[in-house]
Amino acid sequence: MNQKDALLLSITTFITIVAWIGFNIYHATVTSTIPESLQKKVQPIEGKFDTEVIESVKKRQKVQPVSVPPAATESAILTTPKATTSAQEKEEEEEEVGLEL
């Protein structure tokens, strides 16, 4: 392979690569991954908040659920497990209880 053939091959390869990259960029900009039906439903979110509504929500009364009493939920959260005693300590406790009766 002489210099002329190598130059022709490298120019052809360069043009092919540039065309390939160009077509990929064009394809990525033209096609969309979001279906058209969903695109119609999607709307941009506004960056402002209604402060009156936020204040009214803050002033609402807090309501306890009827099905679960508040004491039951607090006791379940606040209870700590008790340490178990050995068999010998249990026997001593039973003897003490038996003597007290």
Foldseek 3Di string as FASTA:
>chain_A
DDPVVVVVVVVVVVVVVVVVVVVVVVVVVPDDPDDPVVVVVDDDDDPDDDVVVVVVVVPDDDDDDPVDDPVVVVCVVPDDDDDDDDPVVVVVVVVVVVVVD
